[in-house]
Amino acid sequence: MSESTTRLSVFKTYKLYVGGKFPRSESGRVYEVSDSKGKWLANVPLSSRKDARDAVVAARKAFGGWSGATAYNRGQILYRVAEMLEGRREQFVREVADAEGLSKSKAAAVVDAAIDRWVWYAGWTDKIAQVVGGANPVAGPYFNLSSPEPTGVVTVVAPQDSSFLGLVSVIAPVIATGNTAVVIASEKSPLPALSLGEVLATSDLPGGVVNILSGKASEMGPHLAAHQDVNGIDLTGATGRDLARDLEIAAADNLKRVLRPRTEDFAESPGTDRMTAFLETKTVWHPTGSLGASGSSY
């Protein structure tokens, strides 16, 4: 091939990430995604109600193994995600710059913060139990111990404007504590989320732990909020007061845990509240035996 020959561009095909695989939407629908200046970037799947149901099935199937893994092992896998993101840093810098209209240097700072956020949550997997669990004083010859357990399958409506740092900030705490997730990516800027699926697929994360759908939160959200096998819902990206309200009402049918939308700066230190939002507390009583004359027995 001579140097003057012009090669054809190879356009990337973005797909959903469900159950560790990369399907197109079962509906066959796509929609156009443009950058901040209106330039076409890609066609991405417009997920349907059936795609959302399939994602819940995959998340439930993965829950037993993921929640049953040791916290240390989950931390290793989350750290591996950060390693893989570091290796694809330039791709995400480009996608975030296009999605959010940032300069390359500002987009690089956002991507670096997102990678650091993965590392931060990786370090919390085997520590959160010490923070929110413990031994409780009781009046009687018993041990009374409280320990956190994951809620189950959590639907996450990702932030609309923070296409990567915000995305990581809502996914990582859900899976760090042993939950599995069905994520509705930002409708206008889904490319970083769909690319994240490619990273997760090569990061030792079991298929189904995170499932990523692109499309309209207003279309998929009501079905996921009412789904009887979804145990929690994060409404961060449910823009519009009516949508968030309607999803919260639908979630009440099977007593889902709900994290309401709020004003957030994802660049700030996240704290632990996103991890505790989707944790249950199990309390166990155990007899210590009869108290002897000395006042103690074991």
Foldseek 3Di string as FASTA:
>chain_A
DDPPDDDDDDADAFAWAAQLDGDAAPVPDWDWAFFPVRHTRYIYHAHALVLLVRLLVLQQVCQVVLQPDALLVLLLLLLLLLVLCVVVLVVQLVLQCRHQVDDSVVSSVLSVLLSVLSNVLSVCLNPVQVVPWDWDDDDAQKTKTKGKGFQEEEEEEFAQNSQGLRRSVQLSLNSSRRYAYEYEGRANRPVVVSVSSVSSSPRPNRGSSYTYDYHDCLRNLLSQLQDLSHAAYECQHVPDPVSQVNSVVSNPPNDHQYHGHDDDDSSDDDPNPSNVSGIDMDMDMDGQDDQDPVRDGD
